[in-house]
Amino acid sequence: MPMDSETGGSRGFGFVTLDDDSVQAAIKGVDGCELDGRELRVNEAQPKGTTFSKSDEDGDGSESD
């Protein structure tokens, strides 16, 4: 879990490593679920400078129609 260097607390996200066959099933199974009153947003990690949106169906950072 990445920690905030200023506050020493959690930055509110974490990383999980899965085998390729499990990734999409895990995302679909957990994305949008609630944990401790917060909605989880689950997606594949992207290289720095790349953003992900729910409308990005293929997870490559580009929006498609």
N, C-alpha and C. Protein backbone atom coordinates (compact mmCIF):
# COMPACT_ATOMS: atom_id res chain seq x y z
N MET A 1 0.84 -1.16 0.00
CA MET A 1 0.00 0.00 0.00
C MET A 1 0.89 1.24 0.00
N PRO A 2 0.76 2.08 -1.01
CA PRO A 2 1.53 3.32 -1.02
C PRO A 2 1.12 4.23 0.13
N MET A 3 2.11 4.83 0.75
CA MET A 3 1.86 5.73 1.88
C MET A 3 2.13 7.17 1.47
N ASP A 4 1.36 8.09 2.04
CA ASP A 4 1.53 9.51 1.80
C ASP A 4 2.73 9.99 2.60
N SER A 5 3.71 10.57 1.93
CA SER A 5 4.93 10.99 2.62
C SER A 5 4.69 12.17 3.55
N GLU A 6 3.66 12.96 3.31
CA GLU A 6 3.38 14.11 4.17
C GLU A 6 2.61 13.72 5.43
N THR A 7 1.62 12.83 5.29
CA THR A 7 0.79 12.49 6.43
C THR A 7 1.18 11.17 7.09
N GLY A 8 1.89 10.33 6.36
CA GLY A 8 2.25 9.01 6.88
C GLY A 8 1.12 8.01 6.78
N GLY A 9 -0.05 8.45 6.27
CA GLY A 9 -1.20 7.57 6.12
C GLY A 9 -1.27 6.96 4.74
N SER A 10 -2.23 6.09 4.57
CA SER A 10 -2.45 5.44 3.28
C SER A 10 -2.87 6.45 2.23
N ARG A 11 -2.45 6.23 1.00
CA ARG A 11 -2.87 7.10 -0.10
C ARG A 11 -4.22 6.66 -0.67
N GLY A 12 -4.79 5.58 -0.15
CA GLY A 12 -6.13 5.16 -0.54
C GLY A 12 -6.19 4.19 -1.70
N PHE A 13 -5.05 3.62 -2.07
CA PHE A 13 -5.05 2.62 -3.13
C PHE A 13 -3.95 1.62 -2.87
N GLY A 14 -4.01 0.52 -3.60
CA GLY A 14 -2.99 -0.51 -3.46
C GLY A 14 -2.86 -1.28 -4.76
N PHE A 15 -1.92 -2.17 -4.80
CA PHE A 15 -1.66 -2.97 -6.00
C PHE A 15 -1.73 -4.44 -5.66
N VAL A 16 -2.28 -5.22 -6.58
CA VAL A 16 -2.37 -6.67 -6.43
C VAL A 16 -1.83 -7.29 -7.71
N THR A 17 -1.03 -8.32 -7.59
CA THR A 17 -0.49 -9.01 -8.75
C THR A 17 -1.27 -10.31 -8.97
N LEU A 18 -1.77 -10.49 -10.19
CA LEU A 18 -2.54 -11.68 -10.55
C LEU A 18 -1.98 -12.27 -11.84
N ASP A 19 -2.25 -13.55 -12.05
CA ASP A 19 -1.87 -14.14 -13.33
C ASP A 19 -2.82 -13.61 -14.41
N ASP A 20 -2.38 -13.62 -15.65
CA ASP A 20 -3.15 -13.05 -16.76
C ASP A 20 -4.55 -13.60 -16.89
N ASP A 21 -4.74 -14.88 -16.57
CA ASP A 21 -6.05 -15.50 -16.71
C ASP A 21 -7.07 -15.01 -15.68
N SER A 22 -6.62 -14.42 -14.60
CA SER A 22 -7.51 -14.01 -13.50
C SER A 22 -7.86 -12.53 -13.51
N VAL A 23 -7.14 -11.73 -14.26
CA VAL A 23 -7.27 -10.27 -14.17
C VAL A 23 -8.68 -9.78 -14.45
N GLN A 24 -9.23 -10.07 -15.61
CA GLN A 24 -10.54 -9.53 -15.98
C GLN A 24 -11.64 -10.04 -15.05
N ALA A 25 -11.59 -11.29 -14.65
CA ALA A 25 -12.60 -11.82 -13.73
C ALA A 25 -12.53 -11.11 -12.39
N ALA A 26 -11.34 -10.83 -11.90
CA ALA A 26 -11.18 -10.13 -10.62
C ALA A 26 -11.70 -8.71 -10.72
N ILE A 27 -11.38 -8.03 -11.82
CA ILE A 27 -11.87 -6.66 -12.01
C ILE A 27 -13.39 -6.64 -12.02
N LYS A 28 -13.99 -7.50 -12.81
CA LYS A 28 -15.46 -7.53 -12.91
C LYS A 28 -16.10 -7.94 -11.60
N GLY A 29 -15.44 -8.78 -10.83
CA GLY A 29 -16.02 -9.26 -9.58
C GLY A 29 -15.95 -8.28 -8.43
N VAL A 30 -15.01 -7.33 -8.47
CA VAL A 30 -14.80 -6.44 -7.33
C VAL A 30 -15.05 -4.97 -7.65
N ASP A 31 -14.84 -4.54 -8.89
CA ASP A 31 -15.02 -3.13 -9.26
C ASP A 31 -16.44 -2.69 -8.92
N GLY A 32 -16.56 -1.60 -8.20
CA GLY A 32 -17.87 -1.07 -7.83
C GLY A 32 -18.41 -1.57 -6.50
N CYS A 33 -17.78 -2.59 -5.93
CA CYS A 33 -18.22 -3.10 -4.63
C CYS A 33 -17.88 -2.07 -3.54
N GLU A 34 -18.58 -2.14 -2.43
CA GLU A 34 -18.34 -1.23 -1.32
C GLU A 34 -17.53 -1.91 -0.22
N LEU A 35 -16.58 -1.19 0.34
CA LEU A 35 -15.77 -1.67 1.46
C LEU A 35 -15.61 -0.54 2.45
N ASP A 36 -16.03 -0.76 3.68
CA ASP A 36 -15.94 0.27 4.73
C ASP A 36 -16.54 1.60 4.29
N GLY A 37 -17.67 1.54 3.58
CA GLY A 37 -18.37 2.74 3.16
C GLY A 37 -17.80 3.43 1.93
N ARG A 38 -16.81 2.81 1.29
CA ARG A 38 -16.20 3.41 0.09
C ARG A 38 -16.36 2.47 -1.09
N GLU A 39 -16.66 3.04 -2.26
CA GLU A 39 -16.79 2.25 -3.47
C GLU A 39 -15.40 1.93 -4.02
N LEU A 40 -15.15 0.65 -4.28
CA LEU A 40 -13.86 0.24 -4.84
C LEU A 40 -13.84 0.48 -6.34
N ARG A 41 -12.75 1.01 -6.82
CA ARG A 41 -12.53 1.15 -8.25
C ARG A 41 -11.33 0.28 -8.58
N VAL A 42 -11.56 -0.73 -9.40
CA VAL A 42 -10.52 -1.71 -9.71
C VAL A 42 -10.23 -1.69 -11.20
N ASN A 43 -8.96 -1.55 -11.56
CA ASN A 43 -8.55 -1.58 -12.96
C ASN A 43 -7.10 -2.02 -13.05
N GLU A 44 -6.66 -2.27 -14.27
CA GLU A 44 -5.27 -2.66 -14.46
C GLU A 44 -4.38 -1.44 -14.33
N ALA A 45 -3.23 -1.61 -13.71
CA ALA A 45 -2.27 -0.51 -13.58
C ALA A 45 -1.82 -0.06 -14.97
N GLN A 46 -1.65 1.23 -15.10
CA GLN A 46 -1.21 1.83 -16.36
C GLN A 46 0.12 2.53 -16.12
N PRO A 47 0.93 2.67 -17.16
CA PRO A 47 2.19 3.41 -17.00
C PRO A 47 1.90 4.83 -16.53
N LYS A 48 2.83 5.43 -15.78
CA LYS A 48 2.66 6.81 -15.31
C LYS A 48 2.34 7.72 -16.49
N GLY A 49 1.42 8.66 -16.25
CA GLY A 49 1.03 9.61 -17.29
C GLY A 49 -0.15 9.14 -18.10
N THR A 50 -0.59 7.90 -17.89
CA THR A 50 -1.75 7.35 -18.59
C THR A 50 -2.92 7.34 -17.63
N THR A 51 -4.08 7.74 -18.10
CA THR A 51 -5.26 7.72 -17.24
C THR A 51 -6.23 6.66 -17.70
N PHE A 52 -7.08 6.22 -16.80
CA PHE A 52 -8.08 5.20 -17.10
C PHE A 52 -9.43 5.76 -16.74
N SER A 53 -10.42 5.53 -17.59
CA SER A 53 -11.79 5.93 -17.26
C SER A 53 -12.69 4.73 -17.47
N LYS A 54 -13.87 4.76 -16.82
CA LYS A 54 -14.79 3.64 -16.97
C LYS A 54 -15.25 3.48 -18.41
N SER A 55 -15.18 4.56 -19.22
CA SER A 55 -15.58 4.44 -20.62
C SER A 55 -14.49 3.83 -21.48
N ASP A 56 -13.31 3.60 -20.89
CA ASP A 56 -12.18 3.00 -21.59
C ASP A 56 -12.34 1.49 -21.54
N GLU A 57 -13.04 0.92 -22.52
CA GLU A 57 -13.40 -0.49 -22.49
C GLU A 57 -12.23 -1.43 -22.61
N ASP A 58 -11.18 -1.06 -23.33
CA ASP A 58 -10.08 -2.01 -23.51
C ASP A 58 -8.91 -1.76 -22.59
N GLY A 59 -9.02 -0.75 -21.69
CA GLY A 59 -8.00 -0.54 -20.68
C GLY A 59 -6.69 0.01 -21.19
N ASP A 60 -6.69 0.58 -22.41
CA ASP A 60 -5.43 1.10 -22.94
C ASP A 60 -5.25 2.59 -22.70
N GLY A 61 -6.18 3.22 -21.96
CA GLY A 61 -6.05 4.63 -21.66
C GLY A 61 -6.72 5.54 -22.68
N SER A 62 -7.17 4.97 -23.79
CA SER A 62 -7.84 5.79 -24.81
C SER A 62 -9.33 5.55 -24.72
N GLU A 63 -10.09 6.61 -24.92
CA GLU A 63 -11.54 6.45 -24.86
C GLU A 63 -12.05 6.01 -26.23
N SER A 64 -13.02 5.13 -26.21
CA SER A 64 -13.60 4.65 -27.47
C SER A 64 -15.10 4.87 -27.43
N ASP A 65 -15.73 4.95 -28.62
CA ASP A 65 -17.18 5.17 -28.69
C ASP A 65 -17.92 3.87 -28.70
